[in-house]
Amino acid sequence: MENEILKPVYFIGSARSDLRKFPKPVRDDVGFDLYQVQCGMTPTTSKPLTGLSGVMELVERYNKDTYRAVYVANLGDAIYVLHCFKKKSKRGIRTSKEDMDVIRQRLRQVRAYHKGV
């Protein structure tokens, strides 16, 4: 992977500090997954976030908990990490309304920035 140009990664809002609260093995896995995205690959832990076109999520499981990092990589030449959180939903795999609201708001911010550039 010598001489490759990596896309920069930008953390929106509290995403970076939220990621730092994850257990170290989870942080390491998310970091490696984001590196793969920077290289133009799709990590095995990545899947589309239902309901938001172009938004992807990394899903990591650790000690019976599920951690998610939501990002968008199709806006410009960068990767934007919109939200990092520990899944708390008691009902199935659905992402909570509060987390979806944060993701939508930060996605609007990034899209607005790209319209102005």
C-alpha atoms as a PDB file:
ATOM      1  CA  MET A   1       0.000   0.000   0.000  1.00  0.00           C
ATOM      2  CA  GLU A   2       2.930   2.233  -0.697  1.00  0.00           C
ATOM      3  CA  ASN A   3       2.363   5.601  -2.416  1.00  0.00           C
ATOM      4  CA  GLU A   4      -1.395   5.454  -2.073  1.00  0.00           C
ATOM      5  CA  ILE A   5      -3.366   8.585  -1.403  1.00  0.00           C
ATOM      6  CA  LEU A   6      -5.643   8.185   1.585  1.00  0.00           C
ATOM      7  CA  LYS A   7      -8.862  10.133   1.930  1.00  0.00           C
ATOM      8  CA  PRO A   8      -8.794  12.332   5.036  1.00  0.00           C
ATOM      9  CA  VAL A   9     -11.161  11.447   7.885  1.00  0.00           C
ATOM     10  CA  TYR A  10     -13.144  14.219   9.588  1.00  0.00           C
ATOM     11  CA  PHE A  11     -15.124  13.688  12.772  1.00  0.00           C
ATOM     12  CA  ILE A  12     -18.306  15.758  13.037  1.00  0.00           C
ATOM     13  CA  GLY A  13     -19.580  17.067  16.368  1.00  0.00           C
ATOM     14  CA  SER A  14     -18.712  14.806  19.285  1.00  0.00           C
ATOM     15  CA  ALA A  15     -17.982  11.739  17.126  1.00  0.00           C
ATOM     16  CA  ARG A  16     -14.248  11.676  17.953  1.00  0.00           C
ATOM     17  CA  SER A  17     -14.734  12.040  21.713  1.00  0.00           C
ATOM     18  CA  ASP A  18     -17.545   9.472  21.618  1.00  0.00           C
ATOM     19  CA  LEU A  19     -15.259   7.018  19.808  1.00  0.00           C
ATOM     20  CA  ARG A  20     -12.573   7.551  22.449  1.00  0.00           C
ATOM     21  CA  LYS A  21     -15.039   6.304  25.078  1.00  0.00           C
ATOM     22  CA  PHE A  22     -15.276   2.904  23.370  1.00  0.00           C
ATOM     23  CA  PRO A  23     -13.233   0.008  24.811  1.00  0.00           C
ATOM     24  CA  LYS A  24      -9.723  -0.127  23.315  1.00  0.00           C
ATOM     25  CA  PRO A  25     -10.309  -3.286  21.224  1.00  0.00           C
ATOM     26  CA  VAL A  26     -13.363  -1.614  19.657  1.00  0.00           C
ATOM     27  CA  ARG A  27     -11.440   1.622  18.996  1.00  0.00           C
ATOM     28  CA  ASP A  28      -8.686  -0.402  17.336  1.00  0.00           C
ATOM     29  CA  ASP A  29     -11.177  -2.256  15.121  1.00  0.00           C
ATOM     30  CA  VAL A  30     -13.020   0.934  14.121  1.00  0.00           C
ATOM     31  CA  GLY A  31      -9.683   2.623  13.379  1.00  0.00           C
ATOM     32  CA  PHE A  32      -8.618  -0.228  11.114  1.00  0.00           C
ATOM     33  CA  ASP A  33     -12.010  -0.256   9.403  1.00  0.00           C
ATOM     34  CA  LEU A  34     -11.781   3.496   8.742  1.00  0.00           C
ATOM     35  CA  TYR A  35      -8.298   2.963   7.319  1.00  0.00           C
ATOM     36  CA  GLN A  36      -9.773   0.415   4.910  1.00  0.00           C
ATOM     37  CA  VAL A  37     -12.401   2.986   3.876  1.00  0.00           C
ATOM     38  CA  GLN A  38      -9.606   5.524   3.336  1.00  0.00           C
ATOM     39  CA  CYS A  39      -7.964   3.005   0.984  1.00  0.00           C
ATOM     40  CA  GLY A  40     -11.188   2.666  -1.011  1.00  0.00           C
ATOM     41  CA  MET A  41     -12.142  -0.730   0.394  1.00  0.00           C
ATOM     42  CA  THR A  42     -15.345  -1.789   2.139  1.00  0.00           C
ATOM     43  CA  PRO A  43     -14.719  -3.383   5.544  1.00  0.00           C
ATOM     44  CA  THR A  44     -16.592  -6.583   6.363  1.00  0.00           C
ATOM     45  CA  THR A  45     -18.175  -4.801   9.356  1.00  0.00           C
ATOM     46  CA  SER A  46     -19.641  -2.076   7.126  1.00  0.00           C
ATOM     47  CA  LYS A  47     -23.248  -1.980   5.982  1.00  0.00           C
ATOM     48  CA  PRO A  48     -25.625   0.681   4.649  1.00  0.00           C
ATOM     49  CA  LEU A  49     -27.601   2.554   7.292  1.00  0.00           C
ATOM     50  CA  THR A  50     -31.256   1.953   6.517  1.00  0.00           C
ATOM     51  CA  GLY A  51     -33.153   5.058   5.476  1.00  0.00           C
ATOM     52  CA  LEU A  52     -30.218   7.334   4.597  1.00  0.00           C
ATOM     53  CA  SER A  53     -28.746   7.028   1.127  1.00  0.00           C
ATOM     54  CA  GLY A  54     -24.952   6.883   1.044  1.00  0.00           C
ATOM     55  CA  VAL A  55     -24.599   6.595   4.818  1.00  0.00           C
ATOM     56  CA  MET A  56     -22.729   3.554   6.108  1.00  0.00           C
ATOM     57  CA  GLU A  57     -22.202   2.121   9.547  1.00  0.00           C
ATOM     58  CA  LEU A  58     -19.444   0.033  11.067  1.00  0.00           C
ATOM     59  CA  VAL A  59     -20.797  -2.508  13.524  1.00  0.00           C
ATOM     60  CA  GLU A  60     -18.467  -3.907  16.199  1.00  0.00           C
ATOM     61  CA  ARG A  61     -19.475  -6.361  18.904  1.00  0.00           C
ATOM     62  CA  TYR A  62     -17.563  -6.607  22.172  1.00  0.00           C
ATOM     63  CA  ASN A  63     -18.528  -8.158  25.539  1.00  0.00           C
ATOM     64  CA  LYS A  64     -22.163  -8.641  24.519  1.00  0.00           C
ATOM     65  CA  ASP A  65     -22.432  -4.949  23.524  1.00  0.00           C
ATOM     66  CA  THR A  66     -22.710  -3.468  20.047  1.00  0.00           C
ATOM     67  CA  TYR A  67     -20.847  -0.319  19.026  1.00  0.00           C
ATOM     68  CA  ARG A  68     -21.483   1.652  15.868  1.00  0.00           C
ATOM     69  CA  ALA A  69     -19.602   4.278  13.918  1.00  0.00           C
ATOM     70  CA  VAL A  70     -21.674   5.969  11.220  1.00  0.00           C
ATOM     71  CA  TYR A  71     -19.896   7.590   8.293  1.00  0.00           C
ATOM     72  CA  VAL A  72     -20.333   8.914   4.796  1.00  0.00           C
ATOM     73  CA  ALA A  73     -17.616   8.469   2.182  1.00  0.00           C
ATOM     74  CA  ASN A  74     -19.344   9.660  -1.002  1.00  0.00           C
ATOM     75  CA  LEU A  75     -19.133  13.429  -0.417  1.00  0.00           C
ATOM     76  CA  GLY A  76     -16.038  14.925  -1.968  1.00  0.00           C
ATOM     77  CA  ASP A  77     -12.655  13.354  -1.353  1.00  0.00           C
ATOM     78  CA  ALA A  78     -13.080  12.784   2.378  1.00  0.00           C
ATOM     79  CA  ILE A  79     -14.688  10.487   4.911  1.00  0.00           C
ATOM     80  CA  TYR A  80     -16.981  12.087   7.478  1.00  0.00           C
ATOM     81  CA  VAL A  81     -17.640  10.202  10.704  1.00  0.00           C
ATOM     82  CA  LEU A  82     -21.068  11.457  11.729  1.00  0.00           C
ATOM     83  CA  HIS A  83     -21.742   9.594  14.960  1.00  0.00           C
ATOM     84  CA  CYS A  84     -20.216   6.934  17.239  1.00  0.00           C
ATOM     85  CA  PHE A  85     -22.385   5.260  19.844  1.00  0.00           C
ATOM     86  CA  LYS A  86     -23.066   2.149  21.870  1.00  0.00           C
ATOM     87  CA  LYS A  87     -26.323   0.590  20.748  1.00  0.00           C
ATOM     88  CA  LYS A  88     -28.915   0.781  23.482  1.00  0.00           C
ATOM     89  CA  SER A  89     -32.068  -0.274  21.685  1.00  0.00           C
ATOM     90  CA  LYS A  90     -34.068  -2.840  23.576  1.00  0.00           C
ATOM     91  CA  ARG A  91     -36.091  -3.777  20.493  1.00  0.00           C
ATOM     92  CA  GLY A  92     -34.184  -5.549  17.759  1.00  0.00           C
ATOM     93  CA  ILE A  93     -31.547  -3.949  15.567  1.00  0.00           C
ATOM     94  CA  ARG A  94     -33.303  -0.634  15.025  1.00  0.00           C
ATOM     95  CA  THR A  95     -31.203   2.473  15.703  1.00  0.00           C
ATOM     96  CA  SER A  96     -32.845   4.712  18.288  1.00  0.00           C
ATOM     97  CA  LYS A  97     -34.691   7.859  17.214  1.00  0.00           C
ATOM     98  CA  GLU A  98     -32.265  10.009  19.215  1.00  0.00           C
ATOM     99  CA  ASP A  99     -29.238   8.529  17.437  1.00  0.00           C
ATOM    100  CA  MET A 100     -30.935   8.841  14.031  1.00  0.00           C
ATOM    101  CA  ASP A 101     -31.718  12.503  14.772  1.00  0.00           C
ATOM    102  CA  VAL A 102     -28.030  13.165  15.533  1.00  0.00           C
ATOM    103  CA  ILE A 103     -26.978  11.383  12.351  1.00  0.00           C
ATOM    104  CA  ARG A 104     -29.470  13.301  10.187  1.00  0.00           C
ATOM    105  CA  GLN A 105     -28.478  16.661  11.679  1.00  0.00           C
ATOM    106  CA  ARG A 106     -24.743  16.043  11.163  1.00  0.00           C
ATOM    107  CA  LEU A 107     -25.354  14.731   7.642  1.00  0.00           C
ATOM    108  CA  ARG A 108     -27.215  17.982   6.847  1.00  0.00           C
ATOM    109  CA  GLN A 109     -24.179  19.916   8.144  1.00  0.00           C
ATOM    110  CA  VAL A 110     -21.776  18.017   5.894  1.00  0.00           C
ATOM    111  CA  ARG A 111     -24.028  18.299   2.844  1.00  0.00           C
ATOM    112  CA  ALA A 112     -24.490  22.034   3.422  1.00  0.00           C
ATOM    113  CA  TYR A 113     -20.733  22.453   3.657  1.00  0.00           C
ATOM    114  CA  HIS A 114     -20.282  20.679   0.315  1.00  0.00           C
ATOM    115  CA  LYS A 115     -22.916  22.826  -1.375  1.00  0.00           C
ATOM    116  CA  GLY A 116     -20.997  25.929  -0.298  1.00  0.00           C
ATOM    117  CA  VAL A 117     -17.603  24.669  -1.462  1.00  0.00           C
END
